[in-house]
Amino acid sequence: PRVLAKALEKQYEKAVVDWTYKDGHLTVSTSNVRELYFV
């Protein structure tokens, strides 16, 4: 997948989207992210 940080909890501060995709299982961890968008 493509995972996007659509909105942040606080703009202009560091935000991280970290994900793994294996055997159909998507696992995501975030920091300072308010909305996520998956394609």
Full PDB file with SEQRES, HELIX, SHEET, SSBOND, CRYST1, ORIGX, SCALE, CONECT and MASTER records, all heavy atoms in Angstrom:
SEQRES   1 A   39  PRO ARG VAL LEU ALA LYS ALA LEU GLU LYS GLN TYR GLU          
SEQRES   2 A   39  LYS ALA VAL VAL ASP TRP THR TYR LYS ASP GLY HIS LEU          
SEQRES   3 A   39  THR VAL SER THR SER ASN VAL ARG GLU LEU TYR PHE VAL          
SHEET    1 AA1 2 VAL A   3  LEU A   8  0                                        
SHEET    2 AA1 2 VAL A  33  PHE A  38 -1                                        
SHEET    1 AA2 2 VAL A  16  LYS A  22  0                                        
SHEET    2 AA2 2 HIS A  25  SER A  31 -1                                        
CRYST1    1.000    1.000    1.000  90.00  90.00  90.00 P 1           1          
ORIGX1      1.000000  0.000000  0.000000        0.00000                         
ORIGX2      0.000000  1.000000  0.000000        0.00000                         
ORIGX3      0.000000  0.000000  1.000000        0.00000                         
SCALE1      1.000000  0.000000  0.000000        0.00000                         
SCALE2      0.000000  1.000000  0.000000        0.00000                         
SCALE3      0.000000  0.000000  1.000000        0.00000                         
ATOM      1  N   PRO A   1       0.814  -1.210   0.000  1.00  0.00           N  
ATOM      2  CA  PRO A   1       0.000   0.000   0.000  1.00  0.00           C  
ATOM      3  C   PRO A   1       0.852   1.266   0.000  1.00  0.00           C  
ATOM      4  O   PRO A   1       2.060   1.219   0.230  1.00  0.00           O  
ATOM      5  CB  PRO A   1      -0.760  -0.115   1.315  1.00  0.00           C  
ATOM      6  CG  PRO A   1       0.240  -0.802   2.219  1.00  0.00           C  
ATOM      7  CD  PRO A   1       1.016  -1.747   1.336  1.00  0.00           C  
ATOM      8  N   ARG A   2       0.195   2.354  -0.250  1.00  0.00           N  
ATOM      9  CA  ARG A   2       0.789   3.669  -0.087  1.00  0.00           C  
ATOM     10  C   ARG A   2       0.059   4.321   1.090  1.00  0.00           C  
ATOM     11  O   ARG A   2      -1.164   4.420   1.081  1.00  0.00           O  
ATOM     12  CB  ARG A   2       0.589   4.469  -1.369  1.00  0.00           C  
ATOM     13  CG  ARG A   2       1.296   5.801  -1.420  1.00  0.00           C  
ATOM     14  CD  ARG A   2       1.033   6.405  -2.791  1.00  0.00           C  
ATOM     15  NE  ARG A   2       1.642   7.703  -2.933  1.00  0.00           N  
ATOM     16  CZ  ARG A   2       1.376   8.525  -3.942  1.00  0.00           C  
ATOM     17  NH1 ARG A   2       0.509   8.164  -4.860  1.00  0.00           N  
ATOM     18  NH2 ARG A   2       1.960   9.692  -4.033  1.00  0.00           N  
ATOM     19  N   VAL A   3       0.791   4.745   2.098  1.00  0.00           N  
ATOM     20  CA  VAL A   3       0.190   5.284   3.317  1.00  0.00           C  
ATOM     21  C   VAL A   3       0.612   6.741   3.456  1.00  0.00           C  
ATOM     22  O   VAL A   3       1.814   7.038   3.490  1.00  0.00           O  
ATOM     23  CB  VAL A   3       0.629   4.475   4.559  1.00  0.00           C  
ATOM     24  CG1 VAL A   3      -0.111   4.971   5.792  1.00  0.00           C  
ATOM     25  CG2 VAL A   3       0.374   2.988   4.347  1.00  0.00           C  
ATOM     26  N   LEU A   4      -0.355   7.653   3.530  1.00  0.00           N  
ATOM     27  CA  LEU A   4      -0.069   9.079   3.529  1.00  0.00           C  
ATOM     28  C   LEU A   4      -0.570   9.737   4.801  1.00  0.00           C  
ATOM     29  O   LEU A   4      -1.627   9.383   5.324  1.00  0.00           O  
ATOM     30  CB  LEU A   4      -0.733   9.743   2.324  1.00  0.00           C  
ATOM     31  CG  LEU A   4      -0.425   9.143   0.955  1.00  0.00           C  
ATOM     32  CD1 LEU A   4      -1.226   9.840  -0.121  1.00  0.00           C  
ATOM     33  CD2 LEU A   4       1.057   9.247   0.651  1.00  0.00           C  
ATOM     34  N   ALA A   5       0.183  10.724   5.279  1.00  0.00           N  
ATOM     35  CA  ALA A   5      -0.231  11.531   6.430  1.00  0.00           C  
ATOM     36  C   ALA A   5      -1.108  12.664   5.913  1.00  0.00           C  
ATOM     37  O   ALA A   5      -0.617  13.721   5.527  1.00  0.00           O  
ATOM     38  CB  ALA A   5       0.994  12.074   7.162  1.00  0.00           C  
ATOM     39  N   LYS A   6      -2.419  12.447   5.898  1.00  0.00           N  
ATOM     40  CA  LYS A   6      -3.347  13.414   5.304  1.00  0.00           C  
ATOM     41  C   LYS A   6      -3.461  14.685   6.134  1.00  0.00           C  
ATOM     42  O   LYS A   6      -3.642  15.786   5.618  1.00  0.00           O  
ATOM     43  CB  LYS A   6      -4.718  12.781   5.142  1.00  0.00           C  
ATOM     44  CG  LYS A   6      -5.715  13.622   4.370  1.00  0.00           C  
ATOM     45  CD  LYS A   6      -7.031  12.877   4.181  1.00  0.00           C  
ATOM     46  CE  LYS A   6      -7.975  13.664   3.292  1.00  0.00           C  
ATOM     47  NZ  LYS A   6      -8.371  14.935   3.887  1.00  0.00           N  
ATOM     48  N   ALA A   7      -3.374  14.552   7.458  1.00  0.00           N  
ATOM     49  CA  ALA A   7      -3.414  15.704   8.359  1.00  0.00           C  
ATOM     50  C   ALA A   7      -2.558  15.393   9.576  1.00  0.00           C  
ATOM     51  O   ALA A   7      -2.451  14.235   9.989  1.00  0.00           O  
ATOM     52  CB  ALA A   7      -4.847  16.029   8.780  1.00  0.00           C  
ATOM     53  N   LEU A   8      -1.951  16.437  10.139  1.00  0.00           N  
ATOM     54  CA  LEU A   8      -1.078  16.270  11.295  1.00  0.00           C  
ATOM     55  C   LEU A   8      -1.748  16.805  12.550  1.00  0.00           C  
ATOM     56  O   LEU A   8      -2.647  17.645  12.495  1.00  0.00           O  
ATOM     57  CB  LEU A   8       0.245  17.008  11.073  1.00  0.00           C  
ATOM     58  CG  LEU A   8       1.017  16.697   9.789  1.00  0.00           C  
ATOM     59  CD1 LEU A   8       2.360  17.421   9.805  1.00  0.00           C  
ATOM     60  CD2 LEU A   8       1.201  15.201   9.598  1.00  0.00           C  
ATOM     61  N   GLU A   9      -1.291  16.317  13.691  1.00  0.00           N  
ATOM     62  CA  GLU A   9      -1.783  16.869  14.948  1.00  0.00           C  
ATOM     63  C   GLU A   9      -1.227  18.265  15.177  1.00  0.00           C  
ATOM     64  O   GLU A   9      -1.897  19.139  15.718  1.00  0.00           O  
ATOM     65  CB  GLU A   9      -1.404  15.947  16.115  1.00  0.00           C  
ATOM     66  CG  GLU A   9      -2.143  14.613  16.078  1.00  0.00           C  
ATOM     67  CD  GLU A   9      -1.776  13.715  17.222  1.00  0.00           C  
ATOM     68  OE1 GLU A   9      -0.661  13.874  17.794  1.00  0.00           O  
ATOM     69  OE2 GLU A   9      -2.590  12.837  17.578  1.00  0.00           O  
ATOM     70  N   LYS A  10       0.011  18.491  14.736  1.00  0.00           N  
ATOM     71  CA  LYS A  10       0.609  19.815  14.834  1.00  0.00           C  
ATOM     72  C   LYS A  10       1.532  20.013  13.634  1.00  0.00           C  
ATOM     73  O   LYS A  10       2.583  19.380  13.521  1.00  0.00           O  
ATOM     74  CB  LYS A  10       1.384  19.989  16.139  1.00  0.00           C  
ATOM     75  CG  LYS A  10       1.852  21.410  16.379  1.00  0.00           C  
ATOM     76  CD  LYS A  10       2.355  21.619  17.806  1.00  0.00           C  
ATOM     77  CE  LYS A  10       1.216  21.787  18.778  1.00  0.00           C  
ATOM     78  NZ  LYS A  10       1.689  22.245  20.113  1.00  0.00           N  
ATOM     79  N   GLN A  11       1.117  20.912  12.735  1.00  0.00           N  
ATOM     80  CA  GLN A  11       1.887  21.159  11.525  1.00  0.00           C  
ATOM     81  C   GLN A  11       3.221  21.827  11.848  1.00  0.00           C  
ATOM     82  O   GLN A  11       3.343  22.557  12.823  1.00  0.00           O  
ATOM     83  CB  GLN A  11       1.088  22.053  10.579  1.00  0.00           C  
ATOM     84  CG  GLN A  11       1.733  22.232   9.217  1.00  0.00           C  
ATOM     85  CD  GLN A  11       0.780  22.824   8.206  1.00  0.00           C  
ATOM     86  OE1 GLN A  11      -0.084  22.139   7.698  1.00  0.00           O  
ATOM     87  NE2 GLN A  11       0.941  24.102   7.900  1.00  0.00           N  
ATOM     88  N   TYR A  12       4.220  21.559  11.017  1.00  0.00           N  
ATOM     89  CA  TYR A  12       5.587  22.071  11.123  1.00  0.00           C  
ATOM     90  C   TYR A  12       6.387  21.414  12.247  1.00  0.00           C  
ATOM     91  O   TYR A  12       7.498  21.828  12.542  1.00  0.00           O  
ATOM     92  CB  TYR A  12       5.621  23.605  11.274  1.00  0.00           C  
ATOM     93  CG  TYR A  12       4.906  24.321  10.150  1.00  0.00           C  
ATOM     94  CD1 TYR A  12       3.840  25.162  10.402  1.00  0.00           C  
ATOM     95  CD2 TYR A  12       5.299  24.138   8.825  1.00  0.00           C  
ATOM     96  CE1 TYR A  12       3.171  25.807   9.371  1.00  0.00           C  
ATOM     97  CE2 TYR A  12       4.642  24.768   7.792  1.00  0.00           C  
ATOM     98  CZ  TYR A  12       3.580  25.612   8.062  1.00  0.00           C  
ATOM     99  OH  TYR A  12       2.916  26.243   7.035  1.00  0.00           O  
ATOM    100  N   GLU A  13       5.818  20.387  12.882  1.00  0.00           N  
ATOM    101  CA  GLU A  13       6.584  19.547  13.791  1.00  0.00           C  
ATOM    102  C   GLU A  13       6.734  18.166  13.152  1.00  0.00           C  
ATOM    103  O   GLU A  13       5.913  17.755  12.330  1.00  0.00           O  
ATOM    104  CB  GLU A  13       5.906  19.454  15.165  1.00  0.00           C  
ATOM    105  CG  GLU A  13       5.883  20.783  15.905  1.00  0.00           C  
ATOM    106  CD  GLU A  13       5.435  20.657  17.343  1.00  0.00           C  
ATOM    107  OE1 GLU A  13       5.249  19.498  17.812  1.00  0.00           O  
ATOM    108  OE2 GLU A  13       5.251  21.699  18.002  1.00  0.00           O  
ATOM    109  N   LYS A  14       7.768  17.444  13.534  1.00  0.00           N  
ATOM    110  CA  LYS A  14       8.103  16.178  12.886  1.00  0.00           C  
ATOM    111  C   LYS A  14       6.981  15.152  13.029  1.00  0.00           C  
ATOM    112  O   LYS A  14       6.487  14.905  14.126  1.00  0.00           O  
ATOM    113  CB  LYS A  14       9.392  15.620  13.481  1.00  0.00           C  
ATOM    114  CG  LYS A  14       9.878  14.325  12.834  1.00  0.00           C  
ATOM    115  CD  LYS A  14      11.174  13.876  13.481  1.00  0.00           C  
ATOM    116  CE  LYS A  14      11.687  12.586  12.870  1.00  0.00           C  
ATOM    117  NZ  LYS A  14      12.956  12.152  13.501  1.00  0.00           N  
ATOM    118  N   ALA A  15       6.584  14.582  11.902  1.00  0.00           N  
ATOM    119  CA  ALA A  15       5.583  13.515  11.878  1.00  0.00           C  
ATOM    120  C   ALA A  15       6.183  12.312  11.152  1.00  0.00           C  
ATOM    121  O   ALA A  15       6.901  12.471  10.166  1.00  0.00           O  
ATOM    122  CB  ALA A  15       4.312  13.976  11.184  1.00  0.00           C  
ATOM    123  N   VAL A  16       5.882  11.111  11.636  1.00  0.00           N  
ATOM    124  CA  VAL A  16       6.451   9.888  11.059  1.00  0.00           C  
ATOM    125  C   VAL A  16       5.336   8.881  10.800  1.00  0.00           C  
ATOM    126  O   VAL A  16       4.458   8.681  11.640  1.00  0.00           O  
ATOM    127  CB  VAL A  16       7.495   9.262  12.007  1.00  0.00           C  
ATOM    128  CG1 VAL A  16       8.080   7.986  11.380  1.00  0.00           C  
ATOM    129  CG2 VAL A  16       8.602  10.253  12.330  1.00  0.00           C  
ATOM    130  N   VAL A  17       5.368   8.263   9.619  1.00  0.00           N  
ATOM    131  CA  VAL A  17       4.526   7.117   9.308  1.00  0.00           C  
ATOM    132  C   VAL A  17       5.469   5.978   8.952  1.00  0.00           C  
ATOM    133  O   VAL A  17       6.220   6.060   7.993  1.00  0.00           O  
ATOM    134  CB  VAL A  17       3.568   7.400   8.129  1.00  0.00           C  
ATOM    135  CG1 VAL A  17       2.664   6.197   7.894  1.00  0.00           C  
ATOM    136  CG2 VAL A  17       2.733   8.636   8.400  1.00  0.00           C  
ATOM    137  N   ASP A  18       5.428   4.913   9.757  1.00  0.00           N  
ATOM    138  CA  ASP A  18       6.353   3.787   9.602  1.00  0.00           C  
ATOM    139  C   ASP A  18       5.501   2.527   9.460  1.00  0.00           C  
ATOM    140  O   ASP A  18       4.712   2.216  10.346  1.00  0.00           O  
ATOM    141  CB  ASP A  18       7.266   3.702  10.827  1.00  0.00           C  
ATOM    142  CG  ASP A  18       8.483   2.818  10.593  1.00  0.00           C  
ATOM    143  OD1 ASP A  18       8.375   1.868   9.789  1.00  0.00           O  
ATOM    144  OD2 ASP A  18       9.521   3.058  11.217  1.00  0.00           O  
ATOM    145  N   TRP A  19       5.634   1.828   8.308  1.00  0.00           N  
ATOM    146  CA  TRP A  19       4.777   0.668   8.134  1.00  0.00           C  
ATOM    147  C   TRP A  19       5.496  -0.493   7.475  1.00  0.00           C  
ATOM    148  O   TRP A  19       6.475  -0.320   6.760  1.00  0.00           O  
ATOM    149  CB  TRP A  19       3.519   1.022   7.355  1.00  0.00           C  
ATOM    150  CG  TRP A  19       3.649   1.266   5.888  1.00  0.00           C  
ATOM    151  CD1 TRP A  19       3.453   0.364   4.875  1.00  0.00           C  
ATOM    152  CD2 TRP A  19       3.971   2.498   5.234  1.00  0.00           C  
ATOM    153  NE1 TRP A  19       3.621   0.953   3.651  1.00  0.00           N  
ATOM    154  CE2 TRP A  19       3.930   2.269   3.836  1.00  0.00           C  
ATOM    155  CE3 TRP A  19       4.264   3.789   5.693  1.00  0.00           C  
ATOM    156  CZ2 TRP A  19       4.200   3.261   2.911  1.00  0.00           C  
ATOM    157  CZ3 TRP A  19       4.525   4.774   4.771  1.00  0.00           C  
ATOM    158  CH2 TRP A  19       4.492   4.513   3.395  1.00  0.00           C  
ATOM    159  N   THR A  20       5.000  -1.676   7.779  1.00  0.00           N  
ATOM    160  CA  THR A  20       5.465  -2.896   7.132  1.00  0.00           C  
ATOM    161  C   THR A  20       4.272  -3.583   6.489  1.00  0.00           C  
ATOM    162  O   THR A  20       3.134  -3.485   6.980  1.00  0.00           O  
ATOM    163  CB  THR A  20       6.120  -3.867   8.138  1.00  0.00           C  
ATOM    164  OG1 THR A  20       5.176  -4.184   9.173  1.00  0.00           O  
ATOM    165  CG2 THR A  20       7.355  -3.259   8.756  1.00  0.00           C  
ATOM    166  N   TYR A  21       4.528  -4.239   5.379  1.00  0.00           N  
ATOM    167  CA  TYR A  21       3.483  -4.973   4.674  1.00  0.00           C  
ATOM    168  C   TYR A  21       4.047  -6.327   4.283  1.00  0.00           C  
ATOM    169  O   TYR A  21       4.983  -6.410   3.488  1.00  0.00           O  
ATOM    170  CB  TYR A  21       3.023  -4.198   3.442  1.00  0.00           C  
ATOM    171  CG  TYR A  21       1.855  -4.847   2.737  1.00  0.00           C  
ATOM    172  CD1 TYR A  21       0.578  -4.782   3.291  1.00  0.00           C  
ATOM    173  CD2 TYR A  21       2.033  -5.517   1.531  1.00  0.00           C  
ATOM    174  CE1 TYR A  21      -0.498  -5.376   2.656  1.00  0.00           C  
ATOM    175  CE2 TYR A  21       0.960  -6.116   0.891  1.00  0.00           C  
ATOM    176  CZ  TYR A  21      -0.297  -6.042   1.458  1.00  0.00           C  
ATOM    177  OH  TYR A  21      -1.365  -6.634   0.833  1.00  0.00           O  
ATOM    178  N   LYS A  22       3.498  -7.380   4.891  1.00  0.00           N  
ATOM    179  CA  LYS A  22       4.027  -8.721   4.655  1.00  0.00           C  
ATOM    180  C   LYS A  22       2.878  -9.721   4.674  1.00  0.00           C  
ATOM    181  O   LYS A  22       2.066  -9.728   5.606  1.00  0.00           O  
ATOM    182  CB  LYS A  22       5.064  -9.077   5.718  1.00  0.00           C  
ATOM    183  CG  LYS A  22       5.785 -10.392   5.472  1.00  0.00           C  
ATOM    184  CD  LYS A  22       6.880 -10.614   6.502  1.00  0.00           C  
ATOM    185  CE  LYS A  22       7.645 -11.909   6.210  1.00  0.00           C  
ATOM    186  NZ  LYS A  22       8.720 -12.133   7.217  1.00  0.00           N  
ATOM    187  N   ASP A  23       2.816 -10.548   3.651  1.00  0.00           N  
ATOM    188  CA  ASP A  23       1.796 -11.601   3.552  1.00  0.00           C  
ATOM    189  C   ASP A  23       0.387 -11.052   3.729  1.00  0.00           C  
ATOM    190  O   ASP A  23      -0.480 -11.698   4.336  1.00  0.00           O  
ATOM    191  CB  ASP A  23       2.061 -12.693   4.594  1.00  0.00           C  
ATOM    192  CG  ASP A  23       3.410 -13.370   4.397  1.00  0.00           C  
ATOM    193  OD1 ASP A  23       3.849 -13.467   3.227  1.00  0.00           O  
ATOM    194  OD2 ASP A  23       4.023 -13.770   5.401  1.00  0.00           O  
ATOM    195  N   GLY A  24       0.141  -9.820   3.207  1.00  0.00           N  
ATOM    196  CA  GLY A  24      -1.192  -9.247   3.279  1.00  0.00           C  
ATOM    197  C   GLY A  24      -1.516  -8.536   4.580  1.00  0.00           C  
ATOM    198  O   GLY A  24      -2.619  -7.998   4.740  1.00  0.00           O  
ATOM    199  N   HIS A  25      -0.581  -8.514   5.518  1.00  0.00           N  
ATOM    200  CA  HIS A  25      -0.811  -7.862   6.807  1.00  0.00           C  
ATOM    201  C   HIS A  25      -0.095  -6.508   6.827  1.00  0.00           C  
ATOM    202  O   HIS A  25       1.131  -6.445   6.658  1.00  0.00           O  
ATOM    203  CB  HIS A  25      -0.305  -8.734   7.956  1.00  0.00           C  
ATOM    204  CG  HIS A  25      -1.014 -10.048   8.048  1.00  0.00           C  
ATOM    205  ND1 HIS A  25      -2.274 -10.184   8.594  1.00  0.00           N  
ATOM    206  CD2 HIS A  25      -0.640 -11.289   7.627  1.00  0.00           C  
ATOM    207  CE1 HIS A  25      -2.645 -11.451   8.535  1.00  0.00           C  
ATOM    208  NE2 HIS A  25      -1.664 -12.140   7.948  1.00  0.00           N  
ATOM    209  N   LEU A  26      -0.849  -5.456   7.032  1.00  0.00           N  
ATOM    210  CA  LEU A  26      -0.312  -4.099   7.077  1.00  0.00           C  
ATOM    211  C   LEU A  26      -0.256  -3.626   8.519  1.00  0.00           C  
ATOM    212  O   LEU A  26      -1.277  -3.586   9.218  1.00  0.00           O  
ATOM    213  CB  LEU A  26      -1.194  -3.152   6.261  1.00  0.00           C  
ATOM    214  CG  LEU A  26      -0.836  -1.666   6.294  1.00  0.00           C  
ATOM    215  CD1 LEU A  26       0.542  -1.424   5.689  1.00  0.00           C  
ATOM    216  CD2 LEU A  26      -1.896  -0.843   5.556  1.00  0.00           C  
ATOM    217  N   THR A  27       0.941  -3.268   8.976  1.00  0.00           N  
ATOM    218  CA  THR A  27       1.135  -2.797  10.352  1.00  0.00           C  
ATOM    219  C   THR A  27       1.766  -1.423  10.304  1.00  0.00           C  
ATOM    220  O   THR A  27       2.835  -1.241   9.704  1.00  0.00           O  
ATOM    221  CB  THR A  27       2.038  -3.755  11.143  1.00  0.00           C  
ATOM    222  OG1 THR A  27       1.481  -5.076  11.102  1.00  0.00           O  
ATOM    223  CG2 THR A  27       2.150  -3.304  12.597  1.00  0.00           C  
ATOM    224  N   VAL A  28       1.089  -0.432  10.914  1.00  0.00           N  
ATOM    225  CA  VAL A  28       1.509   0.956  10.823  1.00  0.00           C  
ATOM    226  C   VAL A  28       1.727   1.532  12.214  1.00  0.00           C  
ATOM    227  O   VAL A  28       0.932   1.293  13.132  1.00  0.00           O  
ATOM    228  CB  VAL A  28       0.443   1.814  10.098  1.00  0.00           C  
ATOM    229  CG1 VAL A  28       0.949   3.233   9.889  1.00  0.00           C  
ATOM    230  CG2 VAL A  28       0.039   1.181   8.782  1.00  0.00           C  
ATOM    231  N   SER A  29       2.798   2.290  12.367  1.00  0.00           N  
ATOM    232  CA  SER A  29       2.987   3.082  13.589  1.00  0.00           C  
ATOM    233  C   SER A  29       3.162   4.540  13.169  1.00  0.00           C  
ATOM    234  O   SER A  29       3.763   4.829  12.138  1.00  0.00           O  
ATOM    235  CB  SER A  29       4.199   2.601  14.392  1.00  0.00           C  
ATOM    236  OG  SER A  29       5.395   2.774  13.654  1.00  0.00           O  
ATOM    237  N   THR A  30       2.612   5.461  13.978  1.00  0.00           N  
ATOM    238  CA  THR A  30       2.634   6.873  13.614  1.00  0.00           C  
ATOM    239  C   THR A  30       3.081   7.734  14.781  1.00  0.00           C  
ATOM    240  O   THR A  30       3.033   7.326  15.940  1.00  0.00           O  
ATOM    241  CB  THR A  30       1.236   7.352  13.170  1.00  0.00           C  
ATOM    242  OG1 THR A  30       0.358   7.391  14.313  1.00  0.00           O  
ATOM    243  CG2 THR A  30       0.654   6.464  12.101  1.00  0.00           C  
ATOM    244  N   SER A  31       3.477   8.942  14.427  1.00  0.00           N  
ATOM    245  CA  SER A  31       3.802   9.967  15.418  1.00  0.00           C  
ATOM    246  C   SER A  31       3.359  11.305  14.866  1.00  0.00           C  
ATOM    247  O   SER A  31       3.701  11.655  13.726  1.00  0.00           O  
ATOM    248  CB  SER A  31       5.315   9.967  15.701  1.00  0.00           C  
ATOM    249  OG  SER A  31       5.672  11.051  16.535  1.00  0.00           O  
ATOM    250  N   ASN A  32       2.572  12.063  15.627  1.00  0.00           N  
ATOM    251  CA  ASN A  32       2.086  13.395  15.244  1.00  0.00           C  
ATOM    252  C   ASN A  32       1.246  13.355  13.967  1.00  0.00           C  
ATOM    253  O   ASN A  32       1.289  14.261  13.154  1.00  0.00           O  
ATOM    254  CB  ASN A  32       3.261  14.377  15.074  1.00  0.00           C  
ATOM    255  CG  ASN A  32       2.800  15.817  14.873  1.00  0.00           C  
ATOM    256  OD1 ASN A  32       1.797  16.247  15.418  1.00  0.00           O  
ATOM    257  ND2 ASN A  32       3.529  16.572  14.066  1.00  0.00           N  
ATOM    258  N   VAL A  33       0.449  12.308  13.802  1.00  0.00           N  
ATOM    259  CA  VAL A  33      -0.425  12.186  12.640  1.00  0.00           C  
ATOM    260  C   VAL A  33      -1.882  12.177  13.103  1.00  0.00           C  
ATOM    261  O   VAL A  33      -2.242  11.450  14.024  1.00  0.00           O  
ATOM    262  CB  VAL A  33      -0.119  10.906  11.836  1.00  0.00           C  
ATOM    263  CG1 VAL A  33      -1.078  10.773  10.660  1.00  0.00           C  
ATOM    264  CG2 VAL A  33       1.319  10.935  11.335  1.00  0.00           C  
ATOM    265  N   ARG A  34      -2.695  12.966  12.429  1.00  0.00           N  
ATOM    266  CA  ARG A  34      -4.118  13.099  12.766  1.00  0.00           C  
ATOM    267  C   ARG A  34      -5.019  12.296  11.823  1.00  0.00           C  
ATOM    268  O   ARG A  34      -6.031  11.752  12.243  1.00  0.00           O  
ATOM    269  CB  ARG A  34      -4.501  14.579  12.706  1.00  0.00           C  
ATOM    270  CG  ARG A  34      -5.926  14.904  13.113  1.00  0.00           C  
ATOM    271  CD  ARG A  34      -6.106  16.413  13.095  1.00  0.00           C  
ATOM    272  NE  ARG A  34      -7.441  16.824  13.469  1.00  0.00           N  
ATOM    273  CZ  ARG A  34      -7.809  18.103  13.635  1.00  0.00           C  
ATOM    274  NH1 ARG A  34      -6.926  19.060  13.454  1.00  0.00           N  
ATOM    275  NH2 ARG A  34      -9.033  18.400  13.963  1.00  0.00           N  
ATOM    276  N   GLU A  35      -4.657  12.240  10.551  1.00  0.00           N  
ATOM    277  CA  GLU A  35      -5.416  11.464   9.571  1.00  0.00           C  
ATOM    278  C   GLU A  35      -4.466  10.683   8.684  1.00  0.00           C  
ATOM    279  O   GLU A  35      -3.395  11.171   8.308  1.00  0.00           O  
ATOM    280  CB  GLU A  35      -6.283  12.375   8.688  1.00  0.00           C  
ATOM    281  CG  GLU A  35      -7.500  12.940   9.388  1.00  0.00           C  
ATOM    282  CD  GLU A  35      -8.442  13.623   8.398  1.00  0.00           C  
ATOM    283  OE1 GLU A  35      -8.533  13.162   7.239  1.00  0.00           O  
ATOM    284  OE2 GLU A  35      -9.066  14.616   8.777  1.00  0.00           O  
ATOM    285  N   LEU A  36      -4.870   9.462   8.352  1.00  0.00           N  
ATOM    286  CA  LEU A  36      -4.110   8.615   7.443  1.00  0.00           C  
ATOM    287  C   LEU A  36      -4.961   8.285   6.230  1.00  0.00           C  
ATOM    288  O   LEU A  36      -6.184   8.151   6.330  1.00  0.00           O  
ATOM    289  CB  LEU A  36      -3.709   7.306   8.125  1.00  0.00           C  
ATOM    290  CG  LEU A  36      -2.566   7.352   9.131  1.00  0.00           C  
ATOM    291  CD1 LEU A  36      -2.446   5.994   9.811  1.00  0.00           C  
ATOM    292  CD2 LEU A  36      -1.253   7.733   8.477  1.00  0.00           C  
ATOM    293  N   TYR A  37      -4.299   8.144   5.102  1.00  0.00           N  
ATOM    294  CA  TYR A  37      -4.990   7.808   3.864  1.00  0.00           C  
ATOM    295  C   TYR A  37      -4.219   6.690   3.190  1.00  0.00           C  
ATOM    296  O   TYR A  37      -3.003   6.798   2.986  1.00  0.00           O  
ATOM    297  CB  TYR A  37      -5.062   9.048   2.972  1.00  0.00           C  
ATOM    298  CG  TYR A  37      -5.901   8.892   1.745  1.00  0.00           C  
ATOM    299  CD1 TYR A  37      -7.293   8.903   1.823  1.00  0.00           C  
ATOM    300  CD2 TYR A  37      -5.309   8.748   0.493  1.00  0.00           C  
ATOM    301  CE1 TYR A  37      -8.074   8.772   0.680  1.00  0.00           C  
ATOM    302  CE2 TYR A  37      -6.083   8.617  -0.647  1.00  0.00           C  
ATOM    303  CZ  TYR A  37      -7.465   8.628  -0.544  1.00  0.00           C  
ATOM    304  OH  TYR A  37      -8.231   8.501  -1.669  1.00  0.00           O  
ATOM    305  N   PHE A  38      -4.898   5.598   2.877  1.00  0.00           N  
ATOM    306  CA  PHE A  38      -4.261   4.444   2.251  1.00  0.00           C  
ATOM    307  C   PHE A  38      -4.739   4.321   0.805  1.00  0.00           C  
ATOM    308  O   PHE A  38      -5.932   4.403   0.530  1.00  0.00           O  
ATOM    309  CB  PHE A  38      -4.650   3.155   2.970  1.00  0.00           C  
ATOM    310  CG  PHE A  38      -4.274   3.098   4.422  1.00  0.00           C  
ATOM    311  CD1 PHE A  38      -5.062   3.703   5.381  1.00  0.00           C  
ATOM    312  CD2 PHE A  38      -3.120   2.449   4.826  1.00  0.00           C  
ATOM    313  CE1 PHE A  38      -4.720   3.652   6.721  1.00  0.00           C  
ATOM    314  CE2 PHE A  38      -2.767   2.392   6.156  1.00  0.00           C  
ATOM    315  CZ  PHE A  38      -3.571   2.989   7.111  1.00  0.00           C  
ATOM    316  N   VAL A  39      -3.806   4.117  -0.102  1.00  0.00           N  
ATOM    317  CA  VAL A  39      -4.127   3.714  -1.469  1.00  0.00           C  
ATOM    318  C   VAL A  39      -3.484   2.361  -1.668  1.00  0.00           C  
ATOM    319  O   VAL A  39      -2.265   2.224  -1.534  1.00  0.00           O  
ATOM    320  CB  VAL A  39      -3.599   4.727  -2.506  1.00  0.00           C  
ATOM    321  CG1 VAL A  39      -3.956   4.275  -3.911  1.00  0.00           C  
ATOM    322  CG2 VAL A  39      -4.168   6.110  -2.229  1.00  0.00           C  
TER     323      VAL A  39                                                      
MASTER        0    0    0    0    4    0    0    6  322    1    0    3          
END                                                                             
